[in-house]
């Protein structure tokens, strides 16, 4: 499932204006002053402290999103990105520097996109990006709502593909988002329409097909999991 910035961009020159949470405005009002730039932790307030969400129970064991640490995880993620089945949609095959640059664009930001390892029963087996879709360039291409949260996913090992794990983990991840982000009413994804296995996994995870959208570099299926329907789908 390709990253949102595949053609959209994620640099400071191609992001949406960030509206600071009220607590930051209150902090400045108390005399702390406005810093020249703000840097939030990778799992900080824009995504409700993702690092502390904990694990979800799944039929395959506990599943947890663990924020990426490049020193620890770069070689593993680079290997996954160079798998032809992954590279066909993520387009990040190449040396470790290619993967490192992609990760740096998220880790050096303000926390609106958090790269994570998906750890299932104690083993890292997938790569995820949890991001604020309403603050992402994606919001230019669909009717965004405040606090919309997006998901990108790749299953790392070929042995973990094609046996239903994708749909199961997408459901678990969407539930983690909705459980820990009470202001978020929708979890979104925009897989490439050509990636029929990905679209099918989202449907099996309780997402509905929302629309077909034209993004720079791909035609995508907008997949939506609504909080109000989570117990029905």
Protein backbone atom coordinates (compact mmCIF):
# COMPACT_ATOMS: atom_id res chain seq x y z
CA UNK A 1 0.00 0.00 0.00
CA UNK A 2 1.81 3.09 -1.20
CA UNK A 3 2.61 6.06 1.03
CA UNK A 4 0.46 9.16 0.70
CA UNK A 5 3.38 11.30 -0.41
CA UNK A 6 4.05 9.12 -3.44
CA UNK A 7 3.72 12.13 -5.69
CA UNK A 8 2.02 14.31 -3.09
CA UNK A 9 5.09 15.35 -1.16
CA UNK A 10 5.74 15.62 2.54
CA UNK A 11 8.19 18.50 2.82
CA UNK A 12 7.51 21.67 4.76
CA UNK A 13 6.67 23.31 1.43
CA UNK A 14 3.84 20.88 0.71
CA UNK A 15 1.89 20.45 3.92
CA UNK A 16 -1.33 21.92 5.20
CA UNK A 17 -1.38 24.69 7.78
CA UNK A 18 -1.19 23.19 11.26
CA UNK A 19 -3.72 24.35 13.84
CA UNK A 20 -2.10 23.97 17.24
CA UNK A 21 -4.09 22.26 19.98
CA UNK A 22 -5.59 24.61 22.60
CA UNK A 23 -3.10 23.53 25.26
CA UNK A 24 -0.23 24.96 23.20
CA UNK A 25 -2.01 28.28 22.77
CA UNK A 26 -2.55 28.40 26.53
CA UNK A 27 1.12 27.67 27.10
CA UNK A 28 2.19 30.60 24.93
CA UNK A 29 -0.34 32.87 26.64
CA UNK A 30 1.34 32.13 29.98
CA UNK A 31 4.46 33.93 28.84
CA UNK A 32 6.52 31.11 27.42
CA UNK A 33 6.66 32.82 24.04
CA UNK A 34 6.35 31.33 20.57
CA UNK A 35 9.42 29.35 19.52
CA UNK A 36 10.87 29.85 16.09
CA UNK A 37 9.87 26.27 15.25
CA UNK A 38 7.99 23.50 16.99
CA UNK A 39 9.11 19.89 17.06
CA UNK A 40 6.81 17.35 18.61
CA UNK A 41 7.90 13.80 19.50
CA UNK A 42 7.17 11.29 16.75
CA UNK A 43 4.35 9.81 18.80
CA UNK A 44 3.22 13.07 20.38
CA UNK A 45 0.01 15.08 20.72
CA UNK A 46 -1.08 15.22 17.08
CA UNK A 47 -1.72 11.47 17.23
CA UNK A 48 -2.63 11.23 20.92
CA UNK A 49 0.67 9.73 22.05
CA UNK A 50 0.61 6.67 19.82
CA UNK A 51 3.64 5.13 21.55
CA UNK A 52 1.51 4.51 24.64
CA UNK A 53 -1.44 2.83 22.95
CA UNK A 54 -0.40 -0.68 23.91
CA UNK A 55 -1.34 -3.93 22.20
CA UNK A 56 -4.57 -5.14 20.62
CA UNK A 57 -5.65 -8.75 21.02
CA UNK A 58 -5.97 -10.63 17.73
CA UNK A 59 -6.54 -14.32 16.85
CA UNK A 60 -2.83 -14.49 15.93
CA UNK A 61 -1.63 -12.98 19.20
CA UNK A 62 -1.10 -9.48 20.64
CA UNK A 63 -0.43 -6.81 18.03
CA UNK A 64 1.29 -3.50 18.78
CA UNK A 65 2.42 -0.45 16.82
CA UNK A 66 5.98 0.43 17.86
CA UNK A 67 7.38 3.76 16.57
CA UNK A 68 10.37 3.23 14.29
CA UNK A 69 13.92 3.78 15.53
CA UNK A 70 16.16 3.97 12.44
CA UNK A 71 19.28 2.73 14.25
CA UNK A 72 17.39 -0.41 15.18
CA UNK A 73 14.97 -0.87 12.29
CA UNK A 74 16.52 0.52 9.09
CA UNK A 75 17.98 -2.74 7.78
CA UNK A 76 14.73 -4.63 8.34
CA UNK A 77 12.55 -2.02 6.64
CA UNK A 78 15.02 -1.63 3.76
CA UNK A 79 14.80 -5.37 3.13
CA UNK A 80 11.03 -5.18 2.98
CA UNK A 81 11.09 -2.19 0.61
CA UNK A 82 13.27 -4.17 -1.79
CA UNK A 83 10.82 -7.06 -2.02
CA UNK A 84 9.40 -6.79 -5.57
CA UNK A 85 5.82 -7.24 -4.32
CA UNK A 86 6.27 -4.25 -2.00
CA UNK A 87 8.37 -2.13 -4.36
CA UNK A 88 5.68 -2.30 -7.05
CA UNK A 89 3.47 -0.02 -4.96
CA UNK A 90 5.75 1.75 -2.46
CA UNK A 91 8.43 2.55 -5.06
CA UNK A 92 11.18 2.76 -2.43
CA UNK A 93 13.49 -0.03 -3.57
CA UNK A 94 17.16 0.83 -3.32
CA UNK A 95 19.97 1.19 -0.78
CA UNK A 96 19.38 1.91 2.91
CA UNK A 97 19.76 5.63 2.19
CA UNK A 98 16.53 5.55 0.17
CA UNK A 99 14.57 4.09 3.07
CA UNK A 100 16.33 6.36 5.56
CA UNK A 101 15.34 9.47 3.61
CA UNK A 102 11.71 8.33 3.56
CA UNK A 103 11.72 7.70 7.30
CA UNK A 104 13.50 10.98 8.00
CA UNK A 105 10.71 12.89 6.30
CA UNK A 106 8.35 11.61 8.97
CA UNK A 107 10.57 11.42 12.01
CA UNK A 108 11.86 14.97 11.54
CA UNK A 109 8.37 16.43 11.19
CA UNK A 110 5.89 17.71 13.74
CA UNK A 111 4.31 14.34 14.52
CA UNK A 112 1.49 14.38 11.99
CA UNK A 113 2.81 11.09 10.52
CA UNK A 114 4.33 8.33 12.67
CA UNK A 115 6.20 5.39 11.07
CA UNK A 116 5.82 2.18 13.05
CA UNK A 117 6.74 -1.46 13.10
CA UNK A 118 3.79 -3.79 13.45
CA UNK A 119 4.82 -6.33 16.10
CA UNK A 120 2.69 -9.49 16.18
CA UNK A 121 3.19 -11.94 19.05
CA UNK A 122 6.56 -10.33 19.76
CA UNK A 123 7.86 -10.41 16.17
CA UNK A 124 8.16 -7.35 13.88
CA UNK A 125 6.41 -8.35 10.65
CA UNK A 126 4.94 -5.23 9.04
CA UNK A 127 5.52 -1.52 8.49
CA UNK A 128 2.82 1.09 9.16
CA UNK A 129 2.39 4.82 8.84
CA UNK A 130 -0.33 6.35 10.99
CA UNK A 131 -0.98 9.92 9.94
CA UNK A 132 -3.31 12.86 10.34
CA UNK A 133 -5.12 12.78 7.01
CA UNK A 134 -6.74 16.15 7.70
CA UNK A 135 -3.27 17.74 7.96
CA UNK A 136 -1.82 15.84 5.00
CA UNK A 137 -1.74 16.85 1.33
CA UNK A 138 -4.29 14.04 0.84
CA UNK A 139 -6.89 16.39 2.32
CA UNK A 140 -6.84 18.35 -0.96
CA UNK A 141 -8.31 15.37 -2.79
CA UNK A 142 -11.28 14.34 -0.62
CA UNK A 143 -13.75 16.08 1.76
CA UNK A 144 -11.56 15.97 4.85
CA UNK A 145 -12.92 16.23 8.37
CA UNK A 146 -11.03 17.32 11.51
CA UNK A 147 -9.01 14.52 13.13
CA UNK A 148 -9.34 12.12 10.16
CA UNK A 149 -6.63 9.49 10.62
CA UNK A 150 -4.93 7.65 7.76
CA UNK A 151 -3.17 4.30 7.50
CA UNK A 152 -0.46 2.93 5.20
CA UNK A 153 0.62 -0.69 5.53
CA UNK A 154 2.97 -3.26 4.11
CA UNK A 155 3.32 -6.85 5.25
CA UNK A 156 7.04 -7.56 5.38
CA UNK A 157 7.57 -11.26 4.84
CA UNK A 158 6.12 -13.15 1.92
CA UNK A 159 5.12 -15.96 4.28
CA UNK A 160 2.79 -13.57 6.12
CA UNK A 161 0.91 -12.59 2.97
CA UNK A 162 -2.10 -14.27 1.44
CA UNK A 163 -3.41 -15.85 4.63
CA UNK A 164 -5.73 -13.18 5.96
CA UNK A 165 -3.33 -11.37 8.27
CA UNK A 166 -3.70 -8.07 6.42
CA UNK A 167 -7.43 -7.74 7.04
CA UNK A 168 -7.08 -8.88 10.65
CA UNK A 169 -4.32 -6.39 11.41
CA UNK A 170 -6.08 -3.54 9.61
CA UNK A 171 -9.13 -4.12 11.79
CA UNK A 172 -6.97 -4.23 14.92
CA UNK A 173 -5.13 -1.05 13.94
CA UNK A 174 -8.32 0.85 13.10
CA UNK A 175 -9.69 -0.20 16.48
CA UNK A 176 -6.53 1.07 18.20
CA UNK A 177 -6.96 4.43 16.45
CA UNK A 178 -10.63 4.73 17.37
CA UNK A 179 -10.05 3.56 20.96
CA UNK A 180 -7.20 6.00 21.63
CA UNK A 181 -8.23 8.97 19.48
CA UNK A 182 -11.72 9.84 20.80
CA UNK A 183 -12.03 12.91 18.55
CA UNK A 184 -11.38 10.84 15.41
CA UNK A 185 -14.59 9.76 13.68
CA UNK A 186 -13.02 8.04 10.66
CA UNK A 187 -9.99 5.98 9.75
CA UNK A 188 -8.98 6.30 6.09
CA UNK A 189 -6.74 4.67 3.53
CA UNK A 190 -6.07 5.24 -0.16
CA UNK A 191 -4.65 2.05 -1.70
CA UNK A 192 -3.85 1.95 -5.39
CA UNK A 193 -6.87 0.65 -7.30
CA UNK A 194 -4.59 -1.83 -9.06
CA UNK A 195 -3.76 -3.41 -5.70
CA UNK A 196 -6.89 -5.53 -5.53
CA UNK A 197 -5.54 -7.65 -2.66
CA UNK A 198 -5.11 -4.49 -0.59
CA UNK A 199 -8.60 -3.21 -1.34
CA UNK A 200 -10.03 -6.63 -0.44
CA UNK A 201 -8.13 -6.60 2.87
CA UNK A 202 -9.62 -3.23 3.79
CA UNK A 203 -13.12 -4.45 2.97
CA UNK A 204 -12.62 -7.52 5.14
CA UNK A 205 -11.44 -5.25 7.97
CA UNK A 206 -14.71 -3.30 8.12
CA UNK A 207 -13.75 -0.45 5.82
CA UNK A 208 -16.20 0.68 3.15
CA UNK A 209 -15.39 1.91 -0.32
CA UNK A 210 -15.89 5.68 -0.17
CA UNK A 211 -14.82 6.96 -3.57
CA UNK A 212 -12.31 6.73 -6.38
CA UNK A 213 -9.83 9.59 -6.19
CA UNK A 214 -7.12 10.76 -8.57
CA UNK A 215 -3.86 11.42 -6.72
CA UNK A 216 -0.54 12.51 -8.21
CA UNK A 217 1.00 9.25 -9.33
CA UNK A 218 -1.94 6.91 -8.81
CA UNK A 219 -5.68 6.37 -8.95
CA UNK A 220 -6.76 5.31 -5.49
CA UNK A 221 -9.70 3.76 -3.70
CA UNK A 222 -10.68 5.87 -0.70
CA UNK A 223 -11.43 3.34 2.03
CA UNK A 224 -13.22 4.50 5.17
CA UNK A 225 -13.91 2.91 8.54
CA UNK A 226 -16.50 4.93 10.41
CA UNK A 227 -16.67 4.99 14.19
CA UNK A 228 -20.47 4.79 14.01
CA UNK A 229 -20.30 1.59 11.96
CA UNK A 230 -17.41 -0.16 13.69
CA UNK A 231 -19.67 -2.64 15.48
CA UNK A 232 -21.68 -3.41 12.34
CA UNK A 233 -18.94 -4.03 9.74
